[in-house]
Amino acid sequence: MEGEIVLSMKEQRRHDVLARVAARDLTLKQASLALGLSCRQAKRVKRRYLSEGLKGLAHQNRGRAPSNTLPRTLREKVVRLFEERYQGTNDTHFTELLQSREGVTISRESVRRLLRGAGWPAKRRHMPPKHRRRRPRMEAMGMMAQWDGSPHRWFGMEKDPCCLMCAVDDAVGKILGALFIVEESSAGYLRLLDMILRRHGIPMSVYHDRHSTLVRTDDYWSLEEQLLGYQYPTHVGRVLQELGIRSIPAYSPQAKGRIERGFGVLQDRMLQEMRLDAITDMETANRWLEDVFIDRYNARFGLPASNTVAVFRKISAHERHQKIGFAYEATVGNDNCVRLGGLMIDIQAGVNRRSFARCKVLVRQHLDGTWSVWHEGLLIASHDATEFREPVRTWKRKHGNSNAKAKDALQVYMSSKPAPLPEGTFSRCT
């Protein structure tokens, strides 16, 4: 009601002490000690109390608008922009977009207060952190790359989900390469690896989960594998070993937490920025990733490395073309033709031999879809490009077992298993 004076607990205590000073029960010096004020400030408070009463004890700024308050028009503009254009962004991202796209400079805390006051909840609930042992970052760029795929509805709920393949550097948290594909696959990892090598070079190691495209998940051992003491790698594993990249499997999502947290940031920010830039298909998005977003992300979230000298190894475009792709071991037929499924590659007579019939050869399909056939390190045939796609896998049963769903069924590649590594380059994936 009008004329009512509301005092805080602190001001009420001042009233009680100053009332005793006015009654001469306490001296002003004793009152200043009790209130935690200097003698000069205690005199000022006593003077206002004697002249104005309880009103003199109330804070002088009570009821006044703060001098640094935001204008009402600006507050309304920020909330309106969020509702009309920037819904779905988090507070920090919205603050940055206001400055870069709208020319509105406002603190993140002010944005948070305005949105909460307007009834817009926080985008994510912040859970209390669990205690985990944190692995120190690598000292220099190129020592370790973490890569993974993130299936998501990247282009909106009305579009089918697809997969973002991404690799980040462990030392600085920067994106080394990223691209959209239909689903996580060997072809996707090989394209991502080619992008990393083209932009930066060969990293020393790659940290990843135990996806079947990266590590063997079957329990089948051929006679050759039993003699060697380990299974032949997958197509991607073979390429990594040929390039001298150490393959390190992780046994929990927390172990590769830097790429997992990176996907959280990307799902939070990239969806909004692609919407703002009207990007609705994978082909346009992949160009936008390499030309715009990766550099923008690295400038915002990249960290300095302990050692400023990167340790990527350089690789030529020719070597990338030769080594990054699928490789199969096949036997040349009596008609000097290599058959892989429905594909037939004719081999012409060599300079030093008239026929390659019954010879073991290495057949490669490169990223551009073209094929090449190699015998003892020499190129003996090639074939025009076909679709570069995941090798088809089929199931076959062990002998003597008629149950199609038996646990001892073997998963094999159509036409040929992944080729073993060249002699002398065998090494375990650790």
Protein backbone atom coordinates (compact mmCIF):
# COMPACT_ATOMS: atom_id res chain seq x y z
CA MET A 1 0.00 0.00 0.00
CA GLU A 2 1.08 3.61 -0.56
CA GLY A 3 3.27 4.96 2.21
CA GLU A 4 4.34 1.51 3.36
CA ILE A 5 8.10 1.12 4.04
CA VAL A 6 9.65 -2.33 3.66
CA LEU A 7 13.02 -2.81 5.33
CA SER A 8 15.49 -5.58 4.71
CA MET A 9 16.92 -7.61 7.60
CA LYS A 10 20.07 -5.51 7.44
CA GLU A 11 18.10 -2.25 7.58
CA GLN A 12 15.90 -3.60 10.39
CA ARG A 13 18.99 -4.35 12.41
CA ARG A 14 20.26 -0.81 11.85
CA HIS A 15 16.93 0.51 13.14
CA ASP A 16 17.19 -1.55 16.33
CA VAL A 17 20.76 -0.42 17.04
CA LEU A 18 20.14 3.27 16.22
CA ALA A 19 17.00 3.29 18.37
CA ARG A 20 19.19 2.26 21.32
CA VAL A 21 21.68 4.99 20.39
CA ALA A 22 18.83 7.55 20.39
CA ALA A 23 17.77 6.25 23.83
CA ARG A 24 21.42 6.67 24.97
CA ASP A 25 21.75 2.95 25.75
CA LEU A 26 24.65 2.69 23.28
CA THR A 27 27.32 5.10 22.18
CA LEU A 28 27.81 5.81 18.45
CA LYS A 29 31.20 4.11 18.57
CA GLN A 30 29.65 0.94 20.00
CA ALA A 31 26.90 1.11 17.36
CA SER A 32 29.44 1.43 14.52
CA LEU A 33 31.22 -1.70 15.75
CA ALA A 34 27.94 -3.60 16.04
CA LEU A 35 26.86 -2.58 12.52
CA GLY A 36 30.27 -3.04 10.91
CA LEU A 37 30.44 0.62 9.81
CA SER A 38 33.08 3.26 10.12
CA CYS A 39 32.42 6.06 12.58
CA ARG A 40 31.85 8.54 9.72
CA GLN A 41 29.35 6.27 8.00
CA ALA A 42 27.59 5.57 11.32
CA LYS A 43 27.17 9.34 11.81
CA ARG A 44 25.61 9.67 8.31
CA VAL A 45 23.18 6.81 8.92
CA LYS A 46 22.23 8.23 12.34
CA ARG A 47 21.68 11.69 10.83
CA ARG A 48 19.32 10.32 8.14
CA TYR A 49 17.48 8.21 10.74
CA LEU A 50 16.91 11.17 13.07
CA SER A 51 15.74 13.45 10.23
CA GLU A 52 13.71 11.02 8.10
CA GLY A 53 12.88 8.13 10.41
CA LEU A 54 12.51 4.66 8.96
CA LYS A 55 12.55 6.08 5.42
CA GLY A 56 16.12 7.27 5.97
CA LEU A 57 17.28 3.69 6.57
CA ALA A 58 15.90 2.36 3.25
CA HIS A 59 18.41 2.07 0.40
CA GLN A 60 18.47 5.29 -1.62
CA ASN A 61 18.31 3.46 -5.00
CA ARG A 62 15.22 1.49 -4.06
CA GLY A 63 12.56 1.90 -6.76
CA ARG A 64 14.98 3.42 -9.28
CA ALA A 65 15.94 1.75 -12.53
CA PRO A 66 19.64 0.74 -12.60
CA SER A 67 21.84 3.04 -14.66
CA ASN A 68 23.08 0.09 -16.76
CA THR A 69 19.65 -1.38 -17.48
CA LEU A 70 18.91 -2.29 -21.11
CA PRO A 71 16.37 -0.10 -22.92
CA ARG A 72 12.94 -1.64 -23.17
CA THR A 73 13.02 -1.50 -26.98
CA LEU A 74 16.28 -3.46 -27.04
CA ARG A 75 14.94 -6.08 -24.64
CA GLU A 76 11.85 -6.54 -26.79
CA LYS A 77 13.97 -6.72 -29.96
CA VAL A 78 16.19 -9.49 -28.55
CA VAL A 79 13.22 -11.63 -27.49
CA ARG A 80 11.46 -11.01 -30.82
CA LEU A 81 14.55 -12.01 -32.84
CA PHE A 82 14.84 -15.22 -30.85
CA GLU A 83 11.18 -16.09 -31.37
CA GLU A 84 11.09 -15.24 -35.08
CA ARG A 85 14.52 -16.34 -36.34
CA TYR A 86 16.86 -17.93 -33.82
CA GLN A 87 14.72 -20.47 -31.97
CA GLY A 88 16.70 -23.58 -31.08
CA THR A 89 20.03 -21.83 -30.44
CA ASN A 90 21.59 -21.96 -27.01
CA ASP A 91 22.25 -18.78 -25.02
CA THR A 92 25.94 -18.47 -25.97
CA HIS A 93 25.34 -19.19 -29.65
CA PHE A 94 22.40 -16.77 -29.76
CA THR A 95 24.59 -14.06 -28.21
CA GLU A 96 27.25 -14.58 -30.88
CA LEU A 97 24.68 -14.59 -33.70
CA LEU A 98 23.18 -11.34 -32.40
CA GLN A 99 26.57 -9.68 -32.65
CA SER A 100 27.68 -11.18 -36.00
CA ARG A 101 24.37 -11.09 -37.89
CA GLU A 102 22.27 -8.38 -36.21
CA GLY A 103 24.91 -5.96 -34.93
CA VAL A 104 23.52 -6.22 -31.39
CA THR A 105 26.19 -6.41 -28.70
CA ILE A 106 24.82 -7.75 -25.43
CA SER A 107 26.27 -10.00 -22.74
CA ARG A 108 25.43 -13.66 -22.56
CA GLU A 109 24.07 -13.27 -19.01
CA SER A 110 21.69 -10.52 -20.17
CA VAL A 111 20.48 -12.80 -22.97
CA ARG A 112 19.94 -15.60 -20.46
CA ARG A 113 17.89 -13.37 -18.13
CA LEU A 114 15.77 -11.99 -20.99
CA LEU A 115 14.96 -15.43 -22.42
CA ARG A 116 14.20 -17.01 -19.04
CA GLY A 117 12.07 -13.98 -18.16
CA ALA A 118 10.15 -14.38 -21.44
CA GLY A 119 9.43 -18.03 -20.64
CA TRP A 120 11.99 -19.67 -22.93
CA PRO A 121 13.75 -22.50 -21.03
CA ALA A 122 17.41 -23.40 -21.39
CA LYS A 123 18.08 -25.65 -24.37
CA ARG A 124 19.78 -28.35 -22.31
CA ARG A 125 19.56 -29.23 -18.68
CA HIS A 126 22.99 -29.07 -17.10
CA MET A 127 23.62 -32.22 -15.09
CA PRO A 128 26.16 -32.25 -12.27
CA PRO A 129 29.46 -33.60 -13.61
CA LYS A 130 30.58 -37.12 -12.75
CA HIS A 131 34.08 -37.71 -11.52
CA ARG A 132 36.26 -39.25 -14.23
CA ARG A 133 39.96 -39.51 -14.76
CA ARG A 134 40.84 -37.14 -17.58
CA ARG A 135 43.48 -38.09 -20.12
CA PRO A 136 45.86 -35.21 -20.85
CA ARG A 137 45.78 -33.84 -24.38
CA MET A 138 48.53 -34.72 -26.80
CA GLU A 139 51.35 -32.20 -26.98
CA ALA A 140 51.24 -31.36 -30.70
CA MET A 141 48.84 -31.41 -33.62
CA GLY A 142 49.04 -34.60 -35.64
CA MET A 143 49.91 -36.90 -32.74
CA MET A 144 46.34 -38.22 -32.43
CA ALA A 145 43.12 -37.73 -34.36
CA GLN A 146 39.77 -38.82 -32.93
CA TRP A 147 37.10 -39.71 -35.47
CA ASP A 148 33.56 -41.01 -35.42
CA GLY A 149 30.18 -40.77 -37.14
CA SER A 150 27.06 -39.08 -35.75
CA PRO A 151 23.69 -40.21 -37.20
CA HIS A 152 21.14 -37.40 -36.83
CA ARG A 153 18.40 -35.52 -38.66
CA TRP A 154 20.91 -32.89 -39.72
CA PHE A 155 18.60 -31.26 -42.29
CA GLY A 156 15.43 -31.08 -40.22
CA MET A 157 12.74 -33.42 -38.99
CA GLU A 158 11.10 -33.56 -42.43
CA LYS A 159 14.29 -35.03 -44.01
CA ASP A 160 15.71 -38.52 -43.56
CA PRO A 161 18.55 -38.84 -41.04
CA CYS A 162 22.11 -38.99 -42.34
CA CYS A 163 25.56 -39.28 -40.78
CA LEU A 164 28.17 -36.60 -40.13
CA MET A 165 31.67 -38.06 -40.26
CA CYS A 166 34.09 -35.90 -38.31
CA ALA A 167 37.70 -36.00 -37.09
CA VAL A 168 39.17 -33.68 -34.45
CA ASP A 169 42.76 -33.22 -33.34
CA ASP A 170 43.29 -34.38 -29.77
CA ALA A 171 45.86 -31.68 -28.96
CA VAL A 172 43.90 -28.58 -29.94
CA GLY A 173 40.30 -29.75 -30.47
CA LYS A 174 40.19 -28.42 -34.04
CA ILE A 175 38.23 -30.17 -36.77
CA LEU A 176 40.61 -31.90 -39.20
CA GLY A 177 37.90 -33.00 -41.60
CA ALA A 178 34.13 -33.42 -41.77
CA LEU A 179 31.59 -34.54 -44.34
CA PHE A 180 28.00 -35.76 -44.60
CA ILE A 181 27.24 -39.26 -45.91
CA VAL A 182 24.13 -41.44 -45.91
CA GLU A 183 25.37 -43.78 -43.15
CA GLU A 184 28.54 -44.65 -41.25
CA SER A 185 30.56 -46.95 -43.50
CA SER A 186 34.00 -47.94 -44.74
CA ALA A 187 33.60 -45.64 -47.74
CA GLY A 188 32.75 -42.74 -45.43
CA TYR A 189 35.83 -43.30 -43.25
CA LEU A 190 38.07 -43.54 -46.32
CA ARG A 191 36.68 -40.27 -47.72
CA LEU A 192 37.18 -38.62 -44.32
CA LEU A 193 40.76 -39.95 -44.16
CA ASP A 194 41.45 -38.59 -47.66
CA MET A 195 40.16 -35.17 -46.54
CA ILE A 196 42.44 -35.20 -43.48
CA LEU A 197 45.48 -36.17 -45.56
CA ARG A 198 44.69 -33.56 -48.20
CA ARG A 199 44.20 -30.71 -45.71
CA HIS A 200 46.87 -31.55 -43.14
CA GLY A 201 48.86 -34.74 -43.78
CA ILE A 202 49.20 -38.15 -42.14
CA PRO A 203 48.55 -38.21 -38.36
CA MET A 204 50.54 -40.50 -36.08
CA SER A 205 47.49 -42.28 -34.64
CA VAL A 206 43.70 -42.47 -34.86
CA TYR A 207 41.46 -43.04 -31.81
CA HIS A 208 38.06 -44.57 -32.60
CA ASP A 209 35.28 -46.84 -31.39
CA ARG A 210 34.97 -50.52 -32.25
CA HIS A 211 32.75 -50.07 -35.30
CA SER A 212 32.83 -53.07 -37.65
CA THR A 213 34.28 -50.94 -40.46
CA LEU A 214 37.32 -50.15 -38.31
CA VAL A 215 38.02 -53.36 -36.38
CA ARG A 216 37.19 -56.98 -37.05
CA THR A 217 34.20 -58.04 -34.93
CA ASP A 218 33.86 -61.62 -36.25
CA ASP A 219 35.48 -64.69 -34.71
CA TYR A 220 36.55 -66.33 -37.97
CA TRP A 221 40.24 -67.16 -38.38
CA SER A 222 41.58 -68.38 -41.70
CA LEU A 223 44.54 -70.74 -41.81
CA GLU A 224 46.84 -67.87 -42.83
CA GLU A 225 45.58 -65.76 -39.91
CA GLN A 226 46.11 -68.62 -37.48
CA LEU A 227 49.69 -69.00 -38.67
CA LEU A 228 50.31 -65.24 -38.34
CA GLY A 229 48.62 -65.04 -34.92
CA TYR A 230 46.13 -62.25 -35.71
CA GLN A 231 43.23 -61.47 -38.04
CA TYR A 232 43.63 -59.51 -41.22
CA PRO A 233 42.35 -55.94 -40.76
CA THR A 234 39.23 -54.42 -42.27
CA HIS A 235 39.47 -52.33 -45.44
CA VAL A 236 39.91 -49.14 -43.39
CA GLY A 237 42.31 -50.87 -40.99
CA ARG A 238 44.41 -52.01 -43.90
CA VAL A 239 44.71 -48.46 -45.27
CA LEU A 240 45.68 -47.14 -41.83
CA GLN A 241 48.43 -49.74 -41.51
CA GLU A 242 49.73 -49.08 -45.03
CA LEU A 243 50.00 -45.38 -44.17
CA GLY A 244 51.75 -46.13 -40.85
CA ILE A 245 48.88 -44.74 -38.74
CA ARG A 246 48.45 -46.42 -35.36
CA SER A 247 44.85 -47.58 -34.85
CA ILE A 248 43.69 -47.26 -31.21
CA PRO A 249 40.22 -48.66 -30.36
CA ALA A 250 38.26 -47.14 -27.48
CA TYR A 251 36.14 -49.32 -25.21
CA SER A 252 33.70 -46.67 -23.98
CA PRO A 253 32.21 -43.38 -25.24
CA GLN A 254 33.91 -41.55 -22.36
CA ALA A 255 37.33 -42.71 -23.57
CA LYS A 256 36.89 -40.66 -26.76
CA GLY A 257 35.00 -37.89 -25.02
CA ARG A 258 36.53 -35.06 -27.05
CA ILE A 259 34.93 -36.15 -30.31
CA GLU A 260 31.68 -37.00 -28.47
CA ARG A 261 31.52 -33.53 -26.91
CA GLY A 262 32.39 -32.07 -30.30
CA PHE A 263 29.32 -33.73 -31.81
CA GLY A 264 27.22 -32.17 -29.05
CA VAL A 265 28.48 -28.72 -30.04
CA LEU A 266 27.95 -29.46 -33.74
CA GLN A 267 24.39 -30.68 -33.25
CA ASP A 268 23.72 -27.57 -31.20
CA ARG A 269 25.23 -25.01 -33.58
CA MET A 270 25.45 -26.49 -37.06
CA LEU A 271 21.73 -27.19 -37.37
CA GLN A 272 20.94 -23.53 -36.72
CA GLU A 273 23.66 -22.14 -38.96
CA MET A 274 22.70 -24.40 -41.88
CA ARG A 275 19.09 -23.26 -41.45
CA LEU A 276 20.15 -19.61 -41.42
CA ASP A 277 22.24 -20.15 -44.58
CA ALA A 278 19.39 -22.10 -46.27
CA ILE A 279 21.41 -25.33 -46.67
CA THR A 280 19.11 -28.31 -47.22
CA ASP A 281 21.12 -31.03 -49.00
CA MET A 282 24.32 -32.99 -48.38
CA GLU A 283 26.21 -31.84 -51.47
CA THR A 284 25.80 -28.15 -50.63
CA ALA A 285 26.46 -28.86 -46.95
CA ASN A 286 29.76 -30.63 -47.70
CA ARG A 287 31.02 -27.63 -49.71
CA TRP A 288 29.85 -25.29 -46.92
CA LEU A 289 31.62 -27.39 -44.29
CA GLU A 290 35.00 -27.18 -46.00
CA ASP A 291 34.75 -23.60 -47.27
CA VAL A 292 33.06 -21.92 -44.30
CA PHE A 293 32.15 -23.84 -41.18
CA ILE A 294 35.33 -25.77 -40.31
CA ASP A 295 37.47 -22.60 -40.19
CA ARG A 296 34.75 -20.78 -38.24
CA TYR A 297 34.51 -23.63 -35.71
CA ASN A 298 38.29 -23.90 -35.30
CA ALA A 299 38.64 -20.14 -34.74
CA ARG A 300 35.98 -20.30 -32.01
CA PHE A 301 36.89 -23.54 -30.21
CA GLY A 302 40.52 -24.29 -31.14
CA LEU A 303 43.03 -24.41 -28.27
CA PRO A 304 46.77 -23.73 -28.29
CA ALA A 305 48.99 -26.83 -28.31
CA SER A 306 51.84 -27.37 -25.85
CA ASN A 307 54.14 -27.80 -28.84
CA THR A 308 53.40 -25.44 -31.72
CA VAL A 309 55.14 -27.65 -34.31
CA ALA A 310 52.64 -30.02 -35.97
CA VAL A 311 53.82 -33.59 -36.62
CA PHE A 312 51.67 -34.47 -39.66
CA ARG A 313 53.60 -36.30 -42.36
CA LYS A 314 53.22 -35.01 -45.90
CA ILE A 315 51.74 -37.24 -48.60
CA SER A 316 51.45 -36.67 -52.35
CA ALA A 317 48.17 -36.67 -54.25
CA HIS A 318 49.37 -39.69 -56.25
CA GLU A 319 50.09 -41.70 -53.10
CA ARG A 320 46.70 -40.77 -51.64
CA HIS A 321 45.01 -41.98 -54.81
CA GLN A 322 46.90 -45.27 -54.75
CA LYS A 323 46.52 -46.21 -51.08
CA ILE A 324 43.10 -44.91 -50.03
CA GLY A 325 40.47 -47.29 -51.31
CA PHE A 326 39.29 -50.89 -51.17
CA ALA A 327 41.78 -53.68 -51.82
CA TYR A 328 40.99 -57.31 -52.68
CA GLU A 329 43.10 -60.40 -53.20
CA ALA A 330 41.98 -62.36 -56.28
CA THR A 331 43.17 -65.11 -58.59
CA VAL A 332 43.39 -64.53 -62.32
CA GLY A 333 41.28 -66.98 -64.34
CA ASN A 334 42.55 -69.15 -67.19
CA ASP A 335 41.13 -66.56 -69.61
CA ASN A 336 43.37 -63.86 -68.05
CA CYS A 337 40.36 -62.16 -66.48
CA VAL A 338 39.79 -61.10 -62.87
CA ARG A 339 36.23 -61.53 -61.62
CA LEU A 340 34.86 -59.65 -58.63
CA GLY A 341 31.14 -60.21 -58.36
CA GLY A 342 29.68 -58.88 -61.59
CA LEU A 343 32.85 -56.99 -62.52
CA MET A 344 35.33 -58.50 -64.99
CA ILE A 345 38.74 -56.95 -65.66
CA ASP A 346 40.70 -58.21 -68.66
CA ILE A 347 44.48 -58.43 -68.31
CA GLN A 348 46.66 -57.98 -71.38
CA ALA A 349 49.82 -60.00 -71.91
CA GLY A 350 52.80 -58.66 -69.99
CA VAL A 351 56.21 -57.68 -71.28
CA ASN A 352 58.02 -60.51 -69.52
CA ARG A 353 55.24 -63.10 -69.53
CA ARG A 354 52.54 -64.15 -71.93
CA SER A 355 49.86 -65.00 -69.36
CA PHE A 356 48.88 -64.19 -65.76
CA ALA A 357 46.50 -67.13 -65.45
CA ARG A 358 46.23 -68.55 -61.91
CA CYS A 359 48.40 -65.73 -60.50
CA LYS A 360 47.49 -64.07 -57.20
CA VAL A 361 46.87 -60.36 -57.81
CA LEU A 362 45.87 -57.32 -55.76
CA VAL A 363 42.78 -55.49 -57.04
CA ARG A 364 42.19 -51.94 -55.82
CA GLN A 365 39.15 -49.71 -56.17
CA HIS A 366 40.15 -46.08 -55.67
CA LEU A 367 38.03 -43.27 -54.21
CA ASP A 368 37.10 -42.01 -57.68
CA GLY A 369 35.65 -45.46 -58.47
CA THR A 370 38.39 -46.56 -60.89
CA TRP A 371 40.02 -50.01 -60.61
CA SER A 372 43.62 -51.17 -60.90
CA VAL A 373 45.17 -54.67 -60.81
CA TRP A 374 48.67 -55.23 -59.40
CA HIS A 375 51.02 -58.18 -59.57
CA GLU A 376 54.20 -58.11 -57.50
CA GLY A 377 54.07 -54.32 -57.32
CA LEU A 378 53.49 -53.80 -61.06
CA LEU A 379 50.31 -52.35 -62.57
CA ILE A 380 49.01 -54.93 -65.06
CA ALA A 381 45.42 -53.78 -65.73
CA SER A 382 42.89 -51.05 -65.04
CA HIS A 383 39.14 -50.54 -65.40
CA ASP A 384 36.79 -47.60 -65.73
CA ALA A 385 35.08 -46.19 -62.66
CA THR A 386 32.12 -47.91 -61.08
CA GLU A 387 30.13 -46.77 -58.06
CA PHE A 388 32.33 -46.53 -54.96
CA ARG A 389 30.20 -48.17 -52.32
CA GLU A 390 30.43 -50.36 -49.26
CA PRO A 391 31.53 -53.93 -50.14
CA VAL A 392 28.52 -56.24 -50.01
CA ARG A 393 28.65 -58.80 -47.19
CA THR A 394 26.91 -62.17 -47.07
CA TRP A 395 26.55 -64.88 -44.46
CA LYS A 396 27.65 -68.47 -44.96
CA ARG A 397 27.31 -71.38 -42.59
CA LYS A 398 30.03 -73.64 -41.36
CA HIS A 399 30.02 -77.17 -42.71
CA GLY A 400 27.61 -79.53 -41.02
CA ASN A 401 25.34 -76.78 -39.63
CA SER A 402 21.93 -76.34 -41.29
CA ASN A 403 20.67 -73.62 -38.93
CA ALA A 404 20.73 -70.30 -40.84
CA LYS A 405 20.76 -68.35 -37.58
CA ALA A 406 23.57 -70.30 -35.99
CA LYS A 407 26.03 -68.26 -33.96
CA ASP A 408 28.99 -69.84 -35.75
CA ALA A 409 27.98 -68.40 -39.16
CA LEU A 410 30.78 -66.49 -40.86
CA GLN A 411 30.45 -62.98 -42.26
CA VAL A 412 32.44 -62.71 -45.49
CA TYR A 413 32.81 -60.14 -48.24
CA MET A 414 31.25 -60.81 -51.62
CA SER A 415 33.81 -62.04 -54.16
CA SER A 416 36.82 -61.63 -51.90
CA LYS A 417 37.84 -60.88 -48.36
CA PRO A 418 39.86 -57.70 -47.71
CA ALA A 419 43.35 -58.25 -49.04
CA PRO A 420 46.13 -58.94 -46.53
CA LEU A 421 48.88 -56.39 -46.14
CA PRO A 422 51.96 -56.66 -48.34
CA GLU A 423 54.63 -58.97 -46.99
CA GLY A 424 56.77 -57.32 -44.35
CA THR A 425 54.18 -54.75 -43.26
CA PHE A 426 52.12 -56.87 -40.86
CA SER A 427 51.54 -55.23 -37.51
CA ARG A 428 48.91 -55.55 -34.83
CA CYS A 429 46.23 -52.89 -34.40
CA THR A 430 46.64 -51.74 -30.82
